[in-house]
Amino acid sequence: RLSRPSAAYSLLSKVPGEIVFFVLMRSSQRVVVDRLKNYLTKYLPTAQEVTDRDVAEQGVEPGSPKFLKLRQQMINAKLDARPKKVVVEELPPPPSPAPTTGPGRRSISSFGR
């Protein structure tokens, strides 16, 4: 049921930290461990990027129920946003190596003959 990051964040943000860590350390289910790690390492830091100032810039009175609801909506939108793909430019191929034979040079294969 917690397929979206915002759903996991909404649920786990209400759970005391001690319980989150206890379940993380004791759970043998990979899905549970992965979701808890994502919550601690990705979702919490991302949610903290939405500040009260950002919400107040939307014209909502700080401390009001509307403010809290808008803040949660902004956090959910940020958590569920798909990350932008990074476009990597192709580097030009390296220059070809210098020739090993020529005037005054002997090829590697001609040594010892």
PDB file of N, CA and C in Angstrom:
ATOM      1  N   ARG A   1       0.802  -1.189   0.000  1.00  0.00           N
ATOM      2  CA  ARG A   1       0.000   0.000   0.000  1.00  0.00           C
ATOM      3  C   ARG A   1       0.850   1.260   0.000  1.00  0.00           C
ATOM      4  N   LEU A   2       2.046   1.164   0.489  1.00  0.00           N
ATOM      5  CA  LEU A   2       2.913   2.339   0.581  1.00  0.00           C
ATOM      6  C   LEU A   2       3.812   2.435  -0.646  1.00  0.00           C
ATOM      7  N   SER A   3       3.193   2.434  -1.811  1.00  0.00           N
ATOM      8  CA  SER A   3       3.990   2.449  -3.026  1.00  0.00           C
ATOM      9  C   SER A   3       4.555   3.832  -3.328  1.00  0.00           C
ATOM     10  N   ARG A   4       3.898   4.876  -2.872  1.00  0.00           N
ATOM     11  CA  ARG A   4       4.382   6.236  -3.117  1.00  0.00           C
ATOM     12  C   ARG A   4       5.213   6.702  -1.920  1.00  0.00           C
ATOM     13  N   PRO A   5       6.277   7.455  -2.190  1.00  0.00           N
ATOM     14  CA  PRO A   5       7.076   7.989  -1.080  1.00  0.00           C
ATOM     15  C   PRO A   5       6.254   8.854  -0.117  1.00  0.00           C
ATOM     16  N   SER A   6       5.297   9.613  -0.649  1.00  0.00           N
ATOM     17  CA  SER A   6       4.492  10.470   0.228  1.00  0.00           C
ATOM     18  C   SER A   6       3.639   9.646   1.192  1.00  0.00           C
ATOM     19  N   ALA A   7       3.169   8.482   0.761  1.00  0.00           N
ATOM     20  CA  ALA A   7       2.376   7.621   1.644  1.00  0.00           C
ATOM     21  C   ALA A   7       3.237   7.060   2.770  1.00  0.00           C
ATOM     22  N   ALA A   8       4.441   6.633   2.437  1.00  0.00           N
ATOM     23  CA  ALA A   8       5.355   6.120   3.461  1.00  0.00           C
ATOM     24  C   ALA A   8       5.733   7.224   4.441  1.00  0.00           C
ATOM     25  N   TYR A   9       6.006   8.415   3.913  1.00  0.00           N
ATOM     26  CA  TYR A   9       6.365   9.538   4.778  1.00  0.00           C
ATOM     27  C   TYR A   9       5.214   9.905   5.710  1.00  0.00           C
ATOM     28  N   SER A  10       4.006   9.989   5.158  1.00  0.00           N
ATOM     29  CA  SER A  10       2.844  10.361   5.972  1.00  0.00           C
ATOM     30  C   SER A  10       2.628   9.385   7.126  1.00  0.00           C
ATOM     31  N   LEU A  11       2.797   8.116   6.856  1.00  0.00           N
ATOM     32  CA  LEU A  11       2.615   7.112   7.899  1.00  0.00           C
ATOM     33  C   LEU A  11       3.758   7.143   8.911  1.00  0.00           C
ATOM     34  N   LEU A  12       4.990   7.106   8.414  1.00  0.00           N
ATOM     35  CA  LEU A  12       6.135   6.976   9.308  1.00  0.00           C
ATOM     36  C   LEU A  12       6.452   8.253  10.082  1.00  0.00           C
ATOM     37  N   SER A  13       6.027   9.407   9.583  1.00  0.00           N
ATOM     38  CA  SER A  13       6.302  10.650  10.307  1.00  0.00           C
ATOM     39  C   SER A  13       5.497  10.730  11.605  1.00  0.00           C
ATOM     40  N   LYS A  14       4.468   9.905  11.730  1.00  0.00           N
ATOM     41  CA  LYS A  14       3.640   9.879  12.941  1.00  0.00           C
ATOM     42  C   LYS A  14       4.141   8.855  13.963  1.00  0.00           C
ATOM     43  N   VAL A  15       5.090   8.015  13.562  1.00  0.00           N
ATOM     44  CA  VAL A  15       5.605   6.954  14.428  1.00  0.00           C
ATOM     45  C   VAL A  15       6.825   7.480  15.181  1.00  0.00           C
ATOM     46  N   PRO A  16       6.915   7.219  16.492  1.00  0.00           N
ATOM     47  CA  PRO A  16       8.111   7.648  17.239  1.00  0.00           C
ATOM     48  C   PRO A  16       9.390   7.053  16.645  1.00  0.00           C
ATOM     49  N   GLY A  17      10.450   7.843  16.650  1.00  0.00           N
ATOM     50  CA  GLY A  17      11.723   7.440  16.068  1.00  0.00           C
ATOM     51  C   GLY A  17      12.275   6.148  16.645  1.00  0.00           C
ATOM     52  N   GLU A  18      12.068   5.923  17.945  1.00  0.00           N
ATOM     53  CA  GLU A  18      12.583   4.706  18.580  1.00  0.00           C
ATOM     54  C   GLU A  18      11.953   3.462  17.955  1.00  0.00           C
ATOM     55  N   ILE A  19      10.679   3.566  17.632  1.00  0.00           N
ATOM     56  CA  ILE A  19       9.990   2.417  17.039  1.00  0.00           C
ATOM     57  C   ILE A  19      10.482   2.181  15.613  1.00  0.00           C
ATOM     58  N   VAL A  20      10.700   3.266  14.877  1.00  0.00           N
ATOM     59  CA  VAL A  20      11.219   3.132  13.506  1.00  0.00           C
ATOM     60  C   VAL A  20      12.559   2.406  13.542  1.00  0.00           C
ATOM     61  N   PHE A  21      13.451   2.831  14.422  1.00  0.00           N
ATOM     62  CA  PHE A  21      14.770   2.188  14.514  1.00  0.00           C
ATOM     63  C   PHE A  21      14.672   0.751  15.010  1.00  0.00           C
ATOM     64  N   PHE A  22      13.792   0.500  15.954  1.00  0.00           N
ATOM     65  CA  PHE A  22      13.618  -0.858  16.458  1.00  0.00           C
ATOM     66  C   PHE A  22      13.175  -1.792  15.337  1.00  0.00           C
ATOM     67  N   VAL A  23      12.161  -1.387  14.591  1.00  0.00           N
ATOM     68  CA  VAL A  23      11.663  -2.227  13.490  1.00  0.00           C
ATOM     69  C   VAL A  23      12.746  -2.382  12.424  1.00  0.00           C
ATOM     70  N   LEU A  24      13.485  -1.316  12.148  1.00  0.00           N
ATOM     71  CA  LEU A  24      14.569  -1.385  11.162  1.00  0.00           C
ATOM     72  C   LEU A  24      15.609  -2.431  11.566  1.00  0.00           C
ATOM     73  N   MET A  25      15.952  -2.477  12.833  1.00  0.00           N
ATOM     74  CA  MET A  25      16.970  -3.410  13.303  1.00  0.00           C
ATOM     75  C   MET A  25      16.449  -4.844  13.433  1.00  0.00           C
ATOM     76  N   ARG A  26      15.174  -5.007  13.701  1.00  0.00           N
ATOM     77  CA  ARG A  26      14.625  -6.337  13.972  1.00  0.00           C
ATOM     78  C   ARG A  26      13.932  -7.008  12.796  1.00  0.00           C
ATOM     79  N   SER A  27      13.542  -6.242  11.797  1.00  0.00           N
ATOM     80  CA  SER A  27      12.760  -6.817  10.707  1.00  0.00           C
ATOM     81  C   SER A  27      13.630  -7.691   9.803  1.00  0.00           C
ATOM     82  N   SER A  28      13.078  -8.805   9.393  1.00  0.00           N
ATOM     83  CA  SER A  28      13.775  -9.694   8.460  1.00  0.00           C
ATOM     84  C   SER A  28      13.186  -9.568   7.056  1.00  0.00           C
ATOM     85  N   GLN A  29      12.199  -8.704   6.902  1.00  0.00           N
ATOM     86  CA  GLN A  29      11.564  -8.509   5.595  1.00  0.00           C
ATOM     87  C   GLN A  29      12.276  -7.397   4.842  1.00  0.00           C
ATOM     88  N   ARG A  30      12.795  -7.743   3.696  1.00  0.00           N
ATOM     89  CA  ARG A  30      13.576  -6.802   2.888  1.00  0.00           C
ATOM     90  C   ARG A  30      12.780  -5.542   2.529  1.00  0.00           C
ATOM     91  N   VAL A  31      11.504  -5.707   2.200  1.00  0.00           N
ATOM     92  CA  VAL A  31      10.666  -4.570   1.813  1.00  0.00           C
ATOM     93  C   VAL A  31      10.555  -3.572   2.962  1.00  0.00           C
ATOM     94  N   VAL A  32      10.364  -4.082   4.162  1.00  0.00           N
ATOM     95  CA  VAL A  32      10.221  -3.220   5.333  1.00  0.00           C
ATOM     96  C   VAL A  32      11.517  -2.458   5.578  1.00  0.00           C
ATOM     97  N   VAL A  33      12.629  -3.160   5.539  1.00  0.00           N
ATOM     98  CA  VAL A  33      13.933  -2.534   5.771  1.00  0.00           C
ATOM     99  C   VAL A  33      14.204  -1.473   4.706  1.00  0.00           C
ATOM    100  N   ASP A  34      13.937  -1.774   3.448  1.00  0.00           N
ATOM    101  CA  ASP A  34      14.168  -0.811   2.368  1.00  0.00           C
ATOM    102  C   ASP A  34      13.303   0.439   2.533  1.00  0.00           C
ATOM    103  N   ARG A  35      12.045   0.249   2.879  1.00  0.00           N
ATOM    104  CA  ARG A  35      11.152   1.409   3.054  1.00  0.00           C
ATOM    105  C   ARG A  35      11.608   2.280   4.227  1.00  0.00           C
ATOM    106  N   LEU A  36      12.022   1.650   5.308  1.00  0.00           N
ATOM    107  CA  LEU A  36      12.479   2.429   6.462  1.00  0.00           C
ATOM    108  C   LEU A  36      13.777   3.169   6.149  1.00  0.00           C
ATOM    109  N   LYS A  37      14.681   2.518   5.444  1.00  0.00           N
ATOM    110  CA  LYS A  37      15.927   3.189   5.055  1.00  0.00           C
ATOM    111  C   LYS A  37      15.635   4.361   4.122  1.00  0.00           C
ATOM    112  N   ASN A  38      14.731   4.171   3.178  1.00  0.00           N
ATOM    113  CA  ASN A  38      14.362   5.266   2.282  1.00  0.00           C
ATOM    114  C   ASN A  38      13.749   6.427   3.061  1.00  0.00           C
ATOM    115  N   TYR A  39      12.915   6.093   4.037  1.00  0.00           N
ATOM    116  CA  TYR A  39      12.305   7.136   4.860  1.00  0.00           C
ATOM    117  C   TYR A  39      13.376   7.953   5.576  1.00  0.00           C
ATOM    118  N   LEU A  40      14.327   7.265   6.171  1.00  0.00           N
ATOM    119  CA  LEU A  40      15.352   7.960   6.956  1.00  0.00           C
ATOM    120  C   LEU A  40      16.371   8.707   6.090  1.00  0.00           C
ATOM    121  N   THR A  41      16.719   8.146   4.949  1.00  0.00           N
ATOM    122  CA  THR A  41      17.795   8.741   4.149  1.00  0.00           C
ATOM    123  C   THR A  41      17.312   9.637   3.016  1.00  0.00           C
ATOM    124  N   LYS A  42      16.089   9.435   2.548  1.00  0.00           N
ATOM    125  CA  LYS A  42      15.592  10.219   1.411  1.00  0.00           C
ATOM    126  C   LYS A  42      14.408  11.096   1.767  1.00  0.00           C
ATOM    127  N   TYR A  43      13.367  10.477   2.337  1.00  0.00           N
ATOM    128  CA  TYR A  43      12.112  11.192   2.517  1.00  0.00           C
ATOM    129  C   TYR A  43      12.201  12.279   3.585  1.00  0.00           C
ATOM    130  N   LEU A  44      12.818  11.986   4.730  1.00  0.00           N
ATOM    131  CA  LEU A  44      12.954  13.009   5.775  1.00  0.00           C
ATOM    132  C   LEU A  44      13.756  14.215   5.292  1.00  0.00           C
ATOM    133  N   PRO A  45      14.936  14.017   4.692  1.00  0.00           N
ATOM    134  CA  PRO A  45      15.671  15.193   4.201  1.00  0.00           C
ATOM    135  C   PRO A  45      14.915  15.976   3.126  1.00  0.00           C
ATOM    136  N   THR A  46      14.216  15.272   2.261  1.00  0.00           N
ATOM    137  CA  THR A  46      13.445  15.954   1.216  1.00  0.00           C
ATOM    138  C   THR A  46      12.310  16.756   1.830  1.00  0.00           C
ATOM    139  N   ALA A  47      11.633  16.205   2.813  1.00  0.00           N
ATOM    140  CA  ALA A  47      10.535  16.911   3.475  1.00  0.00           C
ATOM    141  C   ALA A  47      11.043  18.152   4.204  1.00  0.00           C
ATOM    142  N   GLN A  48      12.249  18.092   4.733  1.00  0.00           N
ATOM    143  CA  GLN A  48      12.806  19.235   5.455  1.00  0.00           C
ATOM    144  C   GLN A  48      13.202  20.371   4.516  1.00  0.00           C
ATOM    145  N   GLU A  49      13.263  20.095   3.230  1.00  0.00           N
ATOM    146  CA  GLU A  49      13.564  21.148   2.258  1.00  0.00           C
ATOM    147  C   GLU A  49      12.385  22.106   2.095  1.00  0.00           C
ATOM    148  N   VAL A  50      11.183  21.662   2.424  1.00  0.00           N
ATOM    149  CA  VAL A  50      10.002  22.531   2.362  1.00  0.00           C
ATOM    150  C   VAL A  50       9.940  23.291   3.684  1.00  0.00           C
ATOM    151  N   THR A  51      10.212  24.578   3.626  1.00  0.00           N
ATOM    152  CA  THR A  51      10.261  25.381   4.842  1.00  0.00           C
ATOM    153  C   THR A  51       8.935  26.120   5.048  1.00  0.00           C
ATOM    154  N   ASP A  52       8.753  26.622   6.266  1.00  0.00           N
ATOM    155  CA  ASP A  52       7.568  27.417   6.567  1.00  0.00           C
ATOM    156  C   ASP A  52       7.537  28.679   5.701  1.00  0.00           C
ATOM    157  N   ARG A  53       8.701  29.173   5.387  1.00  0.00           N
ATOM    158  CA  ARG A  53       8.794  30.365   4.530  1.00  0.00           C
ATOM    159  C   ARG A  53       8.243  30.077   3.132  1.00  0.00           C
ATOM    160  N   ASP A  54       8.561  28.896   2.601  1.00  0.00           N
ATOM    161  CA  ASP A  54       8.040  28.507   1.285  1.00  0.00           C
ATOM    162  C   ASP A  54       6.518  28.474   1.287  1.00  0.00           C
ATOM    163  N   VAL A  55       5.963  27.956   2.369  1.00  0.00           N
ATOM    164  CA  VAL A  55       4.504  27.843   2.472  1.00  0.00           C
ATOM    165  C   VAL A  55       3.887  29.232   2.658  1.00  0.00           C
ATOM    166  N   ALA A  56       4.514  30.069   3.479  1.00  0.00           N
ATOM    167  CA  ALA A  56       3.995  31.411   3.731  1.00  0.00           C
ATOM    168  C   ALA A  56       4.013  32.255   2.451  1.00  0.00           C
ATOM    169  N   GLU A  57       4.944  31.983   1.547  1.00  0.00           N
ATOM    170  CA  GLU A  57       5.003  32.709   0.275  1.00  0.00           C
ATOM    171  C   GLU A  57       3.781  32.436  -0.594  1.00  0.00           C
ATOM    172  N   GLN A  58       3.030  31.396  -0.273  1.00  0.00           N
ATOM    173  CA  GLN A  58       1.809  31.077  -1.012  1.00  0.00           C
ATOM    174  C   GLN A  58       0.624  31.901  -0.517  1.00  0.00           C
ATOM    175  N   GLY A  59       0.874  32.776   0.468  1.00  0.00           N
ATOM    176  CA  GLY A  59      -0.169  33.661   0.959  1.00  0.00           C
ATOM    177  C   GLY A  59      -1.043  33.058   2.035  1.00  0.00           C
ATOM    178  N   VAL A  60      -0.533  32.095   2.770  1.00  0.00           N
ATOM    179  CA  VAL A  60      -1.309  31.428   3.819  1.00  0.00           C
ATOM    180  C   VAL A  60      -0.743  31.851   5.173  1.00  0.00           C
ATOM    181  N   GLU A  61      -1.642  32.078   6.119  1.00  0.00           N
ATOM    182  CA  GLU A  61      -1.259  32.501   7.471  1.00  0.00           C
ATOM    183  C   GLU A  61      -0.559  31.365   8.214  1.00  0.00           C
ATOM    184  N   PRO A  62       0.681  31.579   8.687  1.00  0.00           N
ATOM    185  CA  PRO A  62       1.382  30.534   9.435  1.00  0.00           C
ATOM    186  C   PRO A  62       0.613  30.117  10.688  1.00  0.00           C
ATOM    187  N   GLY A  63       0.596  28.818  10.940  1.00  0.00           N
ATOM    188  CA  GLY A  63      -0.068  28.277  12.120  1.00  0.00           C
ATOM    189  C   GLY A  63      -1.515  27.886  11.899  1.00  0.00           C
ATOM    190  N   SER A  64      -2.085  28.297  10.795  1.00  0.00           N
ATOM    191  CA  SER A  64      -3.495  27.966  10.534  1.00  0.00           C
ATOM    192  C   SER A  64      -3.613  26.541   9.996  1.00  0.00           C
ATOM    193  N   PRO A  65      -4.794  25.932  10.094  1.00  0.00           N
ATOM    194  CA  PRO A  65      -4.980  24.591   9.539  1.00  0.00           C
ATOM    195  C   PRO A  65      -4.718  24.550   8.027  1.00  0.00           C
ATOM    196  N   LYS A  66      -5.073  25.631   7.353  1.00  0.00           N
ATOM    197  CA  LYS A  66      -4.829  25.701   5.910  1.00  0.00           C
ATOM    198  C   LYS A  66      -3.322  25.683   5.620  1.00  0.00           C
ATOM    199  N   PHE A  67      -2.556  26.349   6.482  1.00  0.00           N
ATOM    200  CA  PHE A  67      -1.098  26.381   6.361  1.00  0.00           C
ATOM    201  C   PHE A  67      -0.526  24.970   6.482  1.00  0.00           C
ATOM    202  N   LEU A  68      -0.975  24.232   7.494  1.00  0.00           N
ATOM    203  CA  LEU A  68      -0.476  22.869   7.719  1.00  0.00           C
ATOM    204  C   LEU A  68      -0.844  21.945   6.557  1.00  0.00           C
ATOM    205  N   LYS A  69      -2.059  22.117   6.038  1.00  0.00           N
ATOM    206  CA  LYS A  69      -2.505  21.292   4.923  1.00  0.00           C
ATOM    207  C   LYS A  69      -1.692  21.601   3.662  1.00  0.00           C
ATOM    208  N   LEU A  70      -1.456  22.884   3.403  1.00  0.00           N
ATOM    209  CA  LEU A  70      -0.667  23.268   2.230  1.00  0.00           C
ATOM    210  C   LEU A  70       0.773  22.784   2.356  1.00  0.00           C
ATOM    211  N   ARG A  71       1.315  22.865   3.560  1.00  0.00           N
ATOM    212  CA  ARG A  71       2.688  22.379   3.785  1.00  0.00           C
ATOM    213  C   ARG A  71       2.780  20.887   3.474  1.00  0.00           C
ATOM    214  N   GLN A  72       1.804  20.122   3.944  1.00  0.00           N
ATOM    215  CA  GLN A  72       1.792  18.679   3.677  1.00  0.00           C
ATOM    216  C   GLN A  72       1.647  18.409   2.183  1.00  0.00           C
ATOM    217  N   GLN A  73       0.824  19.177   1.503  1.00  0.00           N
ATOM    218  CA  GLN A  73       0.664  19.008   0.051  1.00  0.00           C
ATOM    219  C   GLN A  73       1.968  19.308  -0.682  1.00  0.00           C
ATOM    220  N   MET A  74       2.680  20.341  -0.242  1.00  0.00           N
ATOM    221  CA  MET A  74       3.959  20.686  -0.880  1.00  0.00           C
ATOM    222  C   MET A  74       5.001  19.594  -0.644  1.00  0.00           C
ATOM    223  N   ILE A  75       5.008  19.041   0.559  1.00  0.00           N
ATOM    224  CA  ILE A  75       5.934  17.941   0.869  1.00  0.00           C
ATOM    225  C   ILE A  75       5.598  16.724   0.014  1.00  0.00           C
ATOM    226  N   ASN A  76       4.310  16.385  -0.075  1.00  0.00           N
ATOM    227  CA  ASN A  76       3.890  15.232  -0.882  1.00  0.00           C
ATOM    228  C   ASN A  76       4.277  15.413  -2.343  1.00  0.00           C
ATOM    229  N   ALA A  77       4.078  16.605  -2.873  1.00  0.00           N
ATOM    230  CA  ALA A  77       4.430  16.869  -4.275  1.00  0.00           C
ATOM    231  C   ALA A  77       5.930  16.717  -4.490  1.00  0.00           C
ATOM    232  N   LYS A  78       6.712  17.197  -3.547  1.00  0.00           N
ATOM    233  CA  LYS A  78       8.173  17.098  -3.672  1.00  0.00           C
ATOM    234  C   LYS A  78       8.641  15.643  -3.556  1.00  0.00           C
ATOM    235  N   LEU A  79       8.026  14.879  -2.656  1.00  0.00           N
ATOM    236  CA  LEU A  79       8.417  13.484  -2.485  1.00  0.00           C
ATOM    237  C   LEU A  79       8.035  12.625  -3.691  1.00  0.00           C
ATOM    238  N   ASP A  80       6.866  12.898  -4.266  1.00  0.00           N
ATOM    239  CA  ASP A  80       6.379  12.068  -5.372  1.00  0.00           C
ATOM    240  C   ASP A  80       6.883  12.515  -6.740  1.00  0.00           C
ATOM    241  N   ALA A  81       7.558  13.650  -6.800  1.00  0.00           N
ATOM    242  CA  ALA A  81       8.081  14.130  -8.077  1.00  0.00           C
ATOM    243  C   ALA A  81       9.151  13.170  -8.585  1.00  0.00           C
ATOM    244  N   ARG A  82       9.097  12.915  -9.854  1.00  0.00           N
ATOM    245  CA  ARG A  82      10.116  12.050 -10.448  1.00  0.00           C
ATOM    246  C   ARG A  82      11.383  12.866 -10.647  1.00  0.00           C
ATOM    247  N   PRO A  83      12.533  12.288 -10.308  1.00  0.00           N
ATOM    248  CA  PRO A  83      13.770  13.039 -10.490  1.00  0.00           C
ATOM    249  C   PRO A  83      14.051  13.269 -11.978  1.00  0.00           C
ATOM    250  N   LYS A  84      14.593  14.426 -12.271  1.00  0.00           N
ATOM    251  CA  LYS A  84      14.927  14.736 -13.654  1.00  0.00           C
ATOM    252  C   LYS A  84      16.107  13.887 -14.085  1.00  0.00           C
ATOM    253  N   LYS A  85      16.042  13.437 -15.332  1.00  0.00           N
ATOM    254  CA  LYS A  85      17.150  12.656 -15.860  1.00  0.00           C
ATOM    255  C   LYS A  85      18.318  13.577 -16.151  1.00  0.00           C
ATOM    256  N   VAL A  86      19.492  13.134 -15.766  1.00  0.00           N
ATOM    257  CA  VAL A  86      20.693  13.908 -16.012  1.00  0.00           C
ATOM    258  C   VAL A  86      21.217  13.533 -17.393  1.00  0.00           C
ATOM    259  N   VAL A  87      21.370  14.537 -18.232  1.00  0.00           N
ATOM    260  CA  VAL A  87      21.880  14.296 -19.580  1.00  0.00           C
ATOM    261  C   VAL A  87      23.388  14.388 -19.523  1.00  0.00           C
ATOM    262  N   VAL A  88      24.037  13.304 -19.898  1.00  0.00           N
ATOM    263  CA  VAL A  88      25.489  13.255 -19.891  1.00  0.00           C
ATOM    264  C   VAL A  88      25.967  13.451 -21.330  1.00  0.00           C
ATOM    265  N   GLU A  89      26.784  14.476 -21.510  1.00  0.00           N
ATOM    266  CA  GLU A  89      27.308  14.722 -22.847  1.00  0.00           C
ATOM    267  C   GLU A  89      28.428  13.732 -23.140  1.00  0.00           C
ATOM    268  N   GLU A  90      28.442  13.269 -24.380  1.00  0.00           N
ATOM    269  CA  GLU A  90      29.489  12.340 -24.792  1.00  0.00           C
ATOM    270  C   GLU A  90      30.801  13.104 -24.932  1.00  0.00           C
ATOM    271  N   LEU A  91      31.857  12.573 -24.365  1.00  0.00           N
ATOM    272  CA  LEU A  91      33.173  13.178 -24.508  1.00  0.00           C
ATOM    273  C   LEU A  91      33.770  12.746 -25.838  1.00  0.00           C
ATOM    274  N   PRO A  92      34.552  13.635 -26.471  1.00  0.00           N
ATOM    275  CA  PRO A  92      35.183  13.219 -27.728  1.00  0.00           C
ATOM    276  C   PRO A  92      36.169  12.098 -27.454  1.00  0.00           C
ATOM    277  N   PRO A  93      36.390  11.224 -28.448  1.00  0.00           N
ATOM    278  CA  PRO A  93      37.323  10.116 -28.228  1.00  0.00           C
ATOM    279  C   PRO A  93      38.727  10.659 -28.001  1.00  0.00           C
ATOM    280  N   PRO A  94      39.537   9.939 -27.217  1.00  0.00           N
ATOM    281  CA  PRO A  94      40.902  10.407 -26.965  1.00  0.00           C
ATOM    282  C   PRO A  94      41.710  10.376 -28.258  1.00  0.00           C
ATOM    283  N   PRO A  95      42.744  11.202 -28.346  1.00  0.00           N
ATOM    284  CA  PRO A  95      43.563  11.198 -29.560  1.00  0.00           C
ATOM    285  C   PRO A  95      44.256   9.851 -29.726  1.00  0.00           C
ATOM    286  N   SER A  96      44.472   9.492 -30.980  1.00  0.00           N
ATOM    287  CA  SER A  96      45.119   8.202 -31.248  1.00  0.00           C
ATOM    288  C   SER A  96      46.574   8.265 -30.795  1.00  0.00           C
ATOM    289  N   PRO A  97      47.127   7.123 -30.395  1.00  0.00           N
ATOM    290  CA  PRO A  97      48.509   7.106 -29.911  1.00  0.00           C
ATOM    291  C   PRO A  97      49.474   7.450 -31.041  1.00  0.00           C
ATOM    292  N   ALA A  98      50.631   7.971 -30.642  1.00  0.00           N
ATOM    293  CA  ALA A  98      51.665   8.328 -31.625  1.00  0.00           C
ATOM    294  C   ALA A  98      52.160   7.060 -32.314  1.00  0.00           C
ATOM    295  N   PRO A  99      52.534   7.166 -33.580  1.00  0.00           N
ATOM    296  CA  PRO A  99      53.032   5.977 -34.294  1.00  0.00           C
ATOM    297  C   PRO A  99      54.297   5.446 -33.639  1.00  0.00           C
ATOM    298  N   THR A 100      54.438   4.140 -33.648  1.00  0.00           N
ATOM    299  CA  THR A 100      55.600   3.515 -33.006  1.00  0.00           C
ATOM    300  C   THR A 100      56.740   3.286 -33.988  1.00  0.00           C
ATOM    301  N   THR A 101      56.483   3.463 -35.266  1.00  0.00           N
ATOM    302  CA  THR A 101      57.559   3.296 -36.243  1.00  0.00           C
ATOM    303  C   THR A 101      57.715   4.574 -37.039  1.00  0.00           C
ATOM    304  N   GLY A 102      58.799   4.751 -37.672  1.00  0.00           N
ATOM    305  CA  GLY A 102      59.060   5.928 -38.476  1.00  0.00           C
ATOM    306  C   GLY A 102      60.553   6.146 -38.541  1.00  0.00           C
ATOM    307  N   PRO A 103      60.972   7.266 -39.142  1.00  0.00           N
ATOM    308  CA  PRO A 103      62.411   7.511 -39.245  1.00  0.00           C
ATOM    309  C   PRO A 103      63.049   7.608 -37.862  1.00  0.00           C
ATOM    310  N   GLY A 104      64.072   6.868 -37.651  1.00  0.00           N
ATOM    311  CA  GLY A 104      64.795   6.878 -36.389  1.00  0.00           C
ATOM    312  C   GLY A 104      64.134   6.079 -35.287  1.00  0.00           C
ATOM    313  N   ARG A 105      62.990   5.477 -35.561  1.00  0.00           N
ATOM    314  CA  ARG A 105      62.313   4.664 -34.548  1.00  0.00           C
ATOM    315  C   ARG A 105      62.182   3.251 -35.059  1.00  0.00           C
ATOM    316  N   ARG A 106      62.251   2.368 -34.139  1.00  0.00           N
ATOM    317  CA  ARG A 106      62.065   0.973 -34.498  1.00  0.00           C
ATOM    318  C   ARG A 106      60.773   0.497 -33.871  1.00  0.00           C
ATOM    319  N   SER A 107      60.070  -0.364 -34.540  1.00  0.00           N
ATOM    320  CA  SER A 107      58.847  -0.901 -33.969  1.00  0.00           C
ATOM    321  C   SER A 107      59.187  -1.840 -32.831  1.00  0.00           C
ATOM    322  N   ILE A 108      58.264  -2.019 -31.956  1.00  0.00           N
ATOM    323  CA  ILE A 108      58.472  -2.902 -30.794  1.00  0.00           C
ATOM    324  C   ILE A 108      58.784  -4.322 -31.254  1.00  0.00           C
ATOM    325  N   SER A 109      58.134  -4.748 -32.331  1.00  0.00           N
ATOM    326  CA  SER A 109      58.335  -6.117 -32.782  1.00  0.00           C
ATOM    327  C   SER A 109      59.689  -6.314 -33.442  1.00  0.00           C
ATOM    328  N   SER A 110      60.399  -5.239 -33.783  1.00  0.00           N
ATOM    329  CA  SER A 110      61.686  -5.412 -34.460  1.00  0.00           C
ATOM    330  C   SER A 110      62.844  -5.511 -33.473  1.00  0.00           C
ATOM    331  N   PHE A 111      62.587  -5.320 -32.180  1.00  0.00           N
ATOM    332  CA  PHE A 111      63.657  -5.466 -31.196  1.00  0.00           C
ATOM    333  C   PHE A 111      64.046  -6.941 -31.095  1.00  0.00           C
ATOM    334  N   GLY A 112      65.302  -7.143 -30.920  1.00  0.00           N
ATOM    335  CA  GLY A 112      65.794  -8.491 -30.712  1.00  0.00           C
ATOM    336  C   GLY A 112      65.955  -9.249 -32.011  1.00  0.00           C
ATOM    337  N   ARG A 113      65.843  -8.630 -33.162  1.00  0.00           N
ATOM    338  CA  ARG A 113      66.031  -9.347 -34.432  1.00  0.00           C
ATOM    339  C   ARG A 113      67.346  -9.016 -35.033  1.00  0.00           C
TER     340      ARG A 113
END
